[in-house]
Amino acid sequence: MTNLVAQLADSAKDFGVQAAYGDPIEVGGSTVIPVAIVWYGFGGGSIDEATGDSKVANLKGVGSGGGGGGYSIPIGAYISRAGRTRFEPNTIALLTVGVPFVATVGWALRRFIRAFR
């Protein structure tokens, strides 16, 4: 199990910027670089009866574990054309993320105001 966790940790350090920014694409004389919000996580676990720990000695069998996941939201792209670079947002993705955020902030603000009346 330790080997699996080490392999996951080694692969996770390669995600970073490479996951948030895609490879440049040439389209009709323009260069497009996709941008995304990316988050990920992983876990692991094990149990070894050979440790001599009294808590472990009471357990039957040997355990192991694992898990992982990730999420990516495309938020837009940088477009370079004729020496100028600008950011074009993906309005559908921004609305999909923004509406629940605004609703949550509104709900919290309403509760905050009611608490201080």
Protein backbone atom coordinates (compact mmCIF):
# COMPACT_ATOMS: atom_id res chain seq x y z
CA MET A 1 0.00 0.00 0.00
CA THR A 2 2.84 2.38 0.77
CA ASN A 3 4.05 1.95 -2.78
CA LEU A 4 0.62 2.93 -4.16
CA VAL A 5 0.46 6.09 -2.06
CA ALA A 6 3.99 7.04 -3.15
CA GLN A 7 3.02 6.53 -6.80
CA LEU A 8 -0.09 8.69 -6.38
CA ALA A 9 1.93 11.44 -4.70
CA ASP A 10 4.53 11.36 -7.48
CA SER A 11 1.88 11.65 -10.19
CA ALA A 12 0.00 14.43 -8.36
CA LYS A 13 2.95 16.82 -8.48
CA ASP A 14 2.77 16.75 -12.30
CA PHE A 15 -0.82 18.06 -12.40
CA GLY A 16 -0.49 21.72 -11.32
CA VAL A 17 -0.35 24.25 -14.13
CA GLN A 18 -0.51 21.57 -16.81
CA ALA A 19 -4.00 20.65 -15.62
CA ALA A 20 -5.26 24.26 -15.38
CA TYR A 21 -3.90 25.43 -18.75
CA GLY A 22 -4.23 23.30 -21.86
CA ASP A 23 -1.82 23.04 -24.75
CA PRO A 24 -1.89 25.99 -27.20
CA ILE A 25 -4.02 25.33 -30.29
CA GLU A 26 -3.68 27.19 -33.59
CA VAL A 27 -7.10 28.07 -35.05
CA GLY A 28 -7.44 30.32 -38.09
CA GLY A 29 -4.37 32.45 -37.35
CA SER A 30 -5.13 32.69 -33.63
CA THR A 31 -3.58 30.84 -30.73
CA VAL A 32 -6.05 29.51 -28.15
CA ILE A 33 -4.97 28.34 -24.67
CA PRO A 34 -7.83 26.72 -22.70
CA VAL A 35 -8.11 27.51 -18.97
CA ALA A 36 -9.86 25.47 -16.27
CA ILE A 37 -10.30 25.39 -12.51
CA VAL A 38 -8.95 22.04 -11.36
CA TRP A 39 -8.94 20.31 -8.00
CA TYR A 40 -8.18 16.77 -7.03
CA GLY A 41 -7.48 14.60 -4.04
CA PHE A 42 -6.55 11.12 -3.10
CA GLY A 43 -6.32 9.02 0.00
CA GLY A 44 -4.89 5.80 1.23
CA GLY A 45 -4.58 3.64 4.27
CA SER A 46 -3.39 0.36 5.64
CA ILE A 47 -3.06 -1.57 8.85
CA ASP A 48 -0.26 -3.88 9.89
CA GLU A 49 -0.68 -6.43 12.65
CA ALA A 50 3.09 -6.77 13.01
CA THR A 51 3.44 -3.36 14.71
CA GLY A 52 2.69 -4.70 18.19
CA ASP A 53 0.20 -1.90 18.85
CA SER A 54 -2.51 -3.06 21.26
CA LYS A 55 -5.26 -1.39 19.25
CA VAL A 56 -4.11 -3.18 16.13
CA ALA A 57 -3.71 -6.51 17.94
CA ASN A 58 -7.45 -6.52 18.74
CA LEU A 59 -8.37 -6.25 15.07
CA LYS A 60 -8.89 -9.29 12.90
CA GLY A 61 -7.36 -9.40 9.42
CA VAL A 62 -5.28 -6.96 7.47
CA GLY A 63 -6.62 -3.76 5.96
CA SER A 64 -5.77 -1.64 2.99
CA GLY A 65 -7.41 1.24 1.18
CA GLY A 66 -7.20 3.75 -1.59
CA GLY A 67 -9.25 6.28 -3.46
CA GLY A 68 -9.02 9.40 -5.48
CA GLY A 69 -10.88 11.84 -7.60
CA GLY A 70 -10.73 15.09 -9.43
CA TYR A 71 -12.87 17.79 -10.94
CA SER A 72 -12.32 20.31 -13.71
CA ILE A 73 -14.44 23.26 -14.83
CA PRO A 74 -13.51 24.94 -18.13
CA ILE A 75 -13.73 28.67 -17.36
CA GLY A 76 -12.49 30.13 -20.65
CA ALA A 77 -9.50 30.57 -22.92
CA TYR A 78 -6.68 32.99 -23.66
CA ILE A 79 -6.80 34.00 -27.31
CA SER A 80 -3.79 35.59 -29.03
CA ARG A 81 -4.48 37.30 -32.34
CA ALA A 82 -2.41 39.93 -34.16
CA GLY A 83 -0.07 40.47 -31.20
CA ARG A 84 -2.89 40.98 -28.69
CA THR A 85 -3.92 38.48 -26.00
CA ARG A 86 -7.28 38.56 -24.26
CA PHE A 87 -9.26 36.25 -22.01
CA GLU A 88 -12.61 34.95 -23.29
CA PRO A 89 -14.73 33.51 -20.46
CA ASN A 90 -16.90 30.43 -20.85
CA THR A 91 -20.14 32.08 -19.74
CA ILE A 92 -22.07 28.82 -19.36
CA ALA A 93 -19.45 27.35 -17.00
CA LEU A 94 -19.16 30.61 -15.06
CA LEU A 95 -22.95 30.76 -14.62
CA THR A 96 -23.02 27.12 -13.57
CA VAL A 97 -20.47 27.85 -10.85
CA GLY A 98 -21.61 31.39 -10.07
CA VAL A 99 -25.34 30.87 -9.51
CA PRO A 100 -24.95 28.43 -6.57
CA PHE A 101 -22.22 30.66 -5.11
CA VAL A 102 -24.39 33.80 -5.29
CA ALA A 103 -27.38 31.89 -3.88
CA THR A 104 -25.30 30.64 -0.94
CA VAL A 105 -23.92 34.12 -0.21
CA GLY A 106 -27.45 35.56 -0.35
CA TRP A 107 -28.76 32.89 2.01
CA ALA A 108 -25.90 33.48 4.47
CA LEU A 109 -26.34 37.26 4.30
CA ARG A 110 -30.08 36.91 5.00
CA ARG A 111 -29.37 34.77 8.06
CA PHE A 112 -26.68 37.19 9.24
CA ILE A 113 -29.04 40.18 8.99
CA ARG A 114 -31.84 38.32 10.81
CA ALA A 115 -29.46 37.37 13.61
CA PHE A 116 -28.60 41.01 14.33
CA ARG A 117 -32.16 42.47 14.25
